[in-house]
Amino acid sequence: MSNLFDLTGKLALVTGSSRGIGKELARGLADAGASIVLHGRDADRLAATAKEFSEVYGPQRIHSACFDVTDDQAVRTNIGKIEEAIGALDILVNNAGIQHRVPLLDLAVQDWQRVLDTNLTSAFLVGRAVARGMVQRGAGKIINICSVQTDLARPTIAAYTAAKGGLRNLTRAMTAEWAGSGLQINGIAPGYIHTEMTQNLVDDEQFNSWILGRTPAGRWGTVGDLAGPAVWLASEGSNFVNGQTIFIDGGMSVVV
């Protein structure tokens, strides 16, 4: 691998990485040489993922942290513990997120708030906690996982759409405040990605046909499609890329 994209010696925290997209982003960073702090709220699933990664990459490179990314005190306490016990974080991937499908007229306020807290506020809380050290050190990479819904909308996912749109502007705000201290903050906006959590959509013949027809690439994305862009944004190869949201959607967001 070119040294430009080599992450050897770097420490990365990926929130929501015990499964799904976050797990594969963590795997991509580990393949590029980074040491990883896996994160999740389900302690058993997190432990299983950490064991799996340790067997591949070695226990010295794999760590884990179980905490609620929507709890400011828990975030600050755990980021402090990570940096004290493991080392300074060079890379943060704000991936933790949830979905809640209900028509907007029927959406309970508490569900709206829960989706915004998990998908948007968590990136502010974790991002700020990690950035404090990055700003002092004069370097750091923050990658916020947005969505094709950062730009587009569909019925029944209003809270998610609002949160992901906000996440792009949070990425810009972080850039405005922290780029001068040597940080690069960017977003990745996946399109429709085939994971265990979207399997029911893949199995829906009508929806699957719509995705295939709506996407110029003619297929669902895979988690592997996201790893390369994540490694690039985490590496020295993106040192003058800042405040951008990169859509990885097979062209869905550029056609009508």
Protein backbone atom coordinates (compact mmCIF):
# COMPACT_ATOMS: atom_id res chain seq x y z
CA MET A 1 0.00 0.00 0.00
CA SER A 2 1.23 3.52 -0.77
CA ASN A 3 2.47 5.36 2.30
CA LEU A 4 -0.03 8.11 1.46
CA PHE A 5 -2.89 5.85 2.58
CA ASP A 6 -1.03 3.84 5.24
CA LEU A 7 -2.69 4.16 8.67
CA THR A 8 -0.07 2.18 10.58
CA GLY A 9 0.43 3.68 14.03
CA LYS A 10 -2.88 5.57 13.96
CA LEU A 11 -5.65 5.01 16.54
CA ALA A 12 -9.26 5.16 15.32
CA LEU A 13 -12.55 5.17 17.21
CA VAL A 14 -15.56 4.05 15.16
CA THR A 15 -18.90 4.53 16.91
CA GLY A 16 -21.58 1.95 16.31
CA SER A 17 -19.02 -0.56 15.04
CA SER A 18 -20.18 -3.80 16.63
CA ARG A 19 -22.11 -4.63 13.43
CA GLY A 20 -23.22 -3.37 10.03
CA ILE A 21 -21.58 -0.47 8.22
CA GLY A 22 -19.61 0.64 11.27
CA LYS A 23 -18.05 -2.79 11.65
CA GLU A 24 -16.92 -2.82 8.02
CA LEU A 25 -15.56 0.71 8.22
CA ALA A 26 -13.54 -0.38 11.25
CA ARG A 27 -12.34 -3.40 9.28
CA GLY A 28 -11.25 -1.19 6.38
CA LEU A 29 -9.27 1.08 8.68
CA ALA A 30 -7.68 -1.93 10.38
CA ASP A 31 -6.74 -3.40 6.98
CA ALA A 32 -4.94 -0.11 6.27
CA GLY A 33 -2.92 -0.54 9.46
CA ALA A 34 -4.83 1.41 12.11
CA SER A 35 -5.45 0.25 15.64
CA ILE A 36 -9.17 0.29 16.37
CA VAL A 37 -11.43 1.17 19.28
CA LEU A 38 -14.69 -0.62 18.53
CA HIS A 39 -17.82 0.84 20.08
CA GLY A 40 -21.39 -0.23 20.76
CA ARG A 41 -24.14 -0.23 23.37
CA ASP A 42 -24.72 -4.00 23.35
CA ALA A 43 -21.84 -5.31 25.47
CA ASP A 44 -22.16 -8.92 24.32
CA ARG A 45 -22.24 -8.10 20.60
CA LEU A 46 -19.36 -5.65 21.07
CA ALA A 47 -17.29 -8.30 22.84
CA ALA A 48 -17.97 -10.80 20.04
CA THR A 49 -16.85 -8.30 17.39
CA ALA A 50 -13.74 -7.41 19.38
CA LYS A 51 -12.87 -11.10 19.66
CA GLU A 52 -13.36 -11.56 15.91
CA PHE A 53 -11.15 -8.56 15.09
CA SER A 54 -8.49 -9.56 17.62
CA GLU A 55 -8.12 -12.95 15.97
CA VAL A 56 -7.45 -11.25 12.62
CA TYR A 57 -5.44 -8.16 13.59
CA GLY A 58 -3.98 -9.15 16.97
CA PRO A 59 -5.26 -8.15 20.42
CA GLN A 60 -2.71 -5.34 20.74
CA ARG A 61 -4.44 -3.42 17.93
CA ILE A 62 -8.08 -4.00 18.91
CA HIS A 63 -9.85 -2.31 21.81
CA SER A 64 -13.48 -1.67 22.70
CA ALA A 65 -15.61 0.85 24.57
CA CYS A 66 -19.25 0.42 25.55
CA PHE A 67 -21.12 3.66 26.25
CA ASP A 68 -24.13 5.75 25.22
CA VAL A 69 -23.11 8.29 22.57
CA THR A 70 -26.14 10.45 23.39
CA ASP A 71 -25.05 10.92 27.04
CA ASP A 72 -22.63 13.86 27.30
CA GLN A 73 -21.13 12.77 30.61
CA ALA A 74 -20.66 9.19 29.42
CA VAL A 75 -19.03 10.44 26.22
CA ARG A 76 -16.58 12.72 28.00
CA THR A 77 -15.72 10.09 30.60
CA ASN A 78 -15.13 7.34 28.06
CA ILE A 79 -13.13 9.44 25.61
CA GLY A 80 -10.93 10.40 28.54
CA LYS A 81 -10.49 6.76 29.52
CA ILE A 82 -9.63 5.75 25.93
CA GLU A 83 -6.98 8.43 25.54
CA GLU A 84 -5.51 7.76 28.99
CA ALA A 85 -5.41 3.98 28.71
CA ILE A 86 -4.84 3.40 24.98
CA GLY A 87 -3.53 6.60 23.44
CA ALA A 88 -4.42 9.76 21.59
CA LEU A 89 -7.16 9.34 18.99
CA ASP A 90 -6.01 10.21 15.48
CA ILE A 91 -9.23 9.25 13.70
CA LEU A 92 -12.90 9.42 14.68
CA VAL A 93 -15.71 7.93 12.61
CA ASN A 94 -19.13 9.10 13.82
CA ASN A 95 -21.20 6.20 12.54
CA ALA A 96 -23.72 5.43 15.31
CA GLY A 97 -27.27 5.79 14.08
CA ILE A 98 -30.81 4.42 14.09
CA GLN A 99 -33.82 4.44 11.79
CA HIS A 100 -37.51 4.82 12.68
CA ARG A 101 -40.14 4.47 9.97
CA VAL A 102 -43.42 6.24 10.76
CA PRO A 103 -45.43 8.77 8.72
CA LEU A 104 -44.66 12.32 9.79
CA LEU A 105 -48.23 13.01 10.93
CA ASP A 106 -48.04 10.00 13.25
CA LEU A 107 -44.48 10.45 14.50
CA ALA A 108 -44.24 10.71 18.28
CA VAL A 109 -42.12 13.59 19.56
CA GLN A 110 -40.03 11.23 21.68
CA ASP A 111 -39.20 9.12 18.62
CA TRP A 112 -38.27 12.24 16.63
CA GLN A 113 -35.97 13.29 19.48
CA ARG A 114 -34.45 9.81 19.85
CA VAL A 115 -33.51 9.68 16.15
CA LEU A 116 -32.01 13.19 16.20
CA ASP A 117 -30.10 12.46 19.41
CA THR A 118 -28.61 9.25 18.04
CA ASN A 119 -27.88 10.36 14.48
CA LEU A 120 -26.94 14.02 14.96
CA THR A 121 -26.39 15.08 18.57
CA SER A 122 -24.09 12.11 19.20
CA ALA A 123 -21.75 13.32 16.45
CA PHE A 124 -21.60 16.71 18.14
CA LEU A 125 -20.93 15.19 21.57
CA VAL A 126 -18.34 12.62 20.51
CA GLY A 127 -16.84 14.91 17.89
CA ARG A 128 -16.33 17.72 20.39
CA ALA A 129 -14.89 15.41 23.05
CA VAL A 130 -12.36 13.93 20.62
CA ALA A 131 -11.58 17.23 18.91
CA ARG A 132 -10.39 18.81 22.16
CA GLY A 133 -7.30 16.63 22.07
CA MET A 134 -6.92 16.82 18.31
CA VAL A 135 -6.93 20.63 18.40
CA GLN A 136 -4.24 20.63 21.09
CA ARG A 137 -2.11 18.24 19.03
CA GLY A 138 -2.72 20.13 15.77
CA ALA A 139 -3.94 17.12 13.79
CA GLY A 140 -6.89 14.76 13.46
CA LYS A 141 -9.40 13.21 11.10
CA ILE A 142 -13.15 13.18 11.76
CA ILE A 143 -15.48 11.34 9.38
CA ASN A 144 -19.22 11.78 9.86
CA ILE A 145 -21.39 9.08 8.29
CA CYS A 146 -24.21 10.87 6.53
CA SER A 147 -26.62 9.30 4.01
CA VAL A 148 -28.14 9.74 0.59
CA GLN A 149 -30.98 11.18 2.73
CA THR A 150 -28.62 14.07 3.47
CA ASP A 151 -29.85 15.37 0.08
CA LEU A 152 -32.97 13.34 -0.67
CA ALA A 153 -36.16 12.44 1.17
CA ARG A 154 -38.60 9.55 1.25
CA PRO A 155 -41.88 9.13 3.11
CA THR A 156 -41.85 7.81 6.70
CA ILE A 157 -38.23 8.72 7.61
CA ALA A 158 -38.55 12.45 8.35
CA ALA A 159 -36.50 12.43 11.55
CA TYR A 160 -33.68 10.48 9.92
CA THR A 161 -33.67 12.80 6.91
CA ALA A 162 -33.58 15.88 9.13
CA ALA A 163 -30.75 14.43 11.21
CA LYS A 164 -28.61 13.45 8.22
CA GLY A 165 -29.13 16.83 6.58
CA GLY A 166 -28.06 18.44 9.84
CA LEU A 167 -25.01 16.20 10.01
CA ARG A 168 -23.68 17.61 6.74
CA ASN A 169 -23.94 21.14 8.11
CA LEU A 170 -22.40 20.03 11.41
CA THR A 171 -19.48 18.74 9.31
CA ARG A 172 -19.19 22.21 7.77
CA ALA A 173 -19.42 23.88 11.18
CA MET A 174 -16.68 21.66 12.58
CA THR A 175 -14.53 22.57 9.59
CA ALA A 176 -15.14 26.28 10.10
CA GLU A 177 -13.95 26.04 13.71
CA TRP A 178 -11.27 23.32 13.68
CA ALA A 179 -9.64 23.23 10.24
CA GLY A 180 -7.30 26.02 11.25
CA SER A 181 -5.97 23.76 14.01
CA GLY A 182 -4.95 21.07 11.53
CA LEU A 183 -8.06 18.88 11.56
CA GLN A 184 -9.87 17.52 8.50
CA ILE A 185 -13.57 16.91 9.01
CA ASN A 186 -15.57 15.34 6.18
CA GLY A 187 -18.66 13.24 5.60
CA ILE A 188 -19.43 10.04 3.75
CA ALA A 189 -22.98 9.73 2.42
CA PRO A 190 -23.79 6.09 1.57
CA GLY A 191 -26.62 5.26 -0.77
CA TYR A 192 -28.65 2.09 -0.30
CA ILE A 193 -26.22 -0.45 1.14
CA HIS A 194 -26.95 -4.16 1.40
CA THR A 195 -26.47 -5.15 5.05
CA GLU A 196 -28.23 -7.42 7.52
CA MET A 197 -30.30 -4.39 8.56
CA THR A 198 -31.49 -3.71 4.99
CA GLN A 199 -32.02 -7.34 4.04
CA ASN A 200 -35.79 -6.96 4.40
CA LEU A 201 -35.70 -4.17 1.80
CA VAL A 202 -33.58 -6.27 -0.55
CA ASP A 203 -36.11 -9.09 -0.15
CA ASP A 204 -39.00 -6.74 -1.01
CA GLU A 205 -39.30 -7.35 -4.76
CA GLN A 206 -40.99 -4.04 -5.50
CA PHE A 207 -38.55 -1.96 -3.45
CA ASN A 208 -35.53 -3.86 -4.75
CA SER A 209 -36.64 -3.24 -8.35
CA TRP A 210 -37.06 0.45 -7.57
CA ILE A 211 -33.53 0.67 -6.14
CA LEU A 212 -32.00 -1.11 -9.13
CA GLY A 213 -33.86 1.17 -11.55
CA ARG A 214 -33.21 4.34 -9.59
CA THR A 215 -29.46 3.76 -9.21
CA PRO A 216 -27.38 4.36 -12.37
CA ALA A 217 -24.88 1.70 -11.25
CA GLY A 218 -27.76 -0.79 -11.32
CA ARG A 219 -27.07 -2.42 -7.98
CA TRP A 220 -27.15 -2.01 -4.21
CA GLY A 221 -23.97 -0.77 -2.59
CA THR A 222 -21.91 -3.09 -0.43
CA VAL A 223 -20.17 -2.25 2.82
CA GLY A 224 -16.91 -2.82 0.96
CA ASP A 225 -17.73 0.12 -1.30
CA LEU A 226 -17.40 2.42 1.71
CA ALA A 227 -14.03 1.23 3.02
CA GLY A 228 -11.82 2.88 0.40
CA PRO A 229 -13.31 6.37 0.78
CA ALA A 230 -13.10 6.03 4.57
CA VAL A 231 -9.42 5.08 4.41
CA TRP A 232 -8.75 8.00 2.07
CA LEU A 233 -10.46 10.50 4.38
CA ALA A 234 -8.60 9.04 7.38
CA SER A 235 -5.22 9.22 5.65
CA GLU A 236 -2.68 11.86 4.69
CA GLY A 237 -4.05 11.59 1.17
CA SER A 238 -6.93 13.89 2.17
CA ASN A 239 -4.97 16.55 4.05
CA PHE A 240 -6.50 19.43 2.05
CA VAL A 241 -10.01 17.98 1.87
CA ASN A 242 -12.24 19.68 4.41
CA GLY A 243 -15.95 20.15 5.03
CA GLN A 244 -16.96 17.90 2.14
CA THR A 245 -19.65 15.22 2.05
CA ILE A 246 -18.77 12.47 -0.41
CA PHE A 247 -21.79 10.62 -1.82
CA ILE A 248 -21.17 6.91 -2.36
CA ASP A 249 -24.47 5.97 -3.93
CA GLY A 250 -23.86 4.57 -7.41
CA GLY A 251 -25.05 7.88 -8.86
CA MET A 252 -28.50 7.89 -7.25
CA SER A 253 -28.31 11.48 -6.05
CA VAL A 254 -27.31 12.97 -9.42
CA VAL A 255 -30.12 11.71 -11.63
CA VAL A 256 -33.86 12.23 -11.82
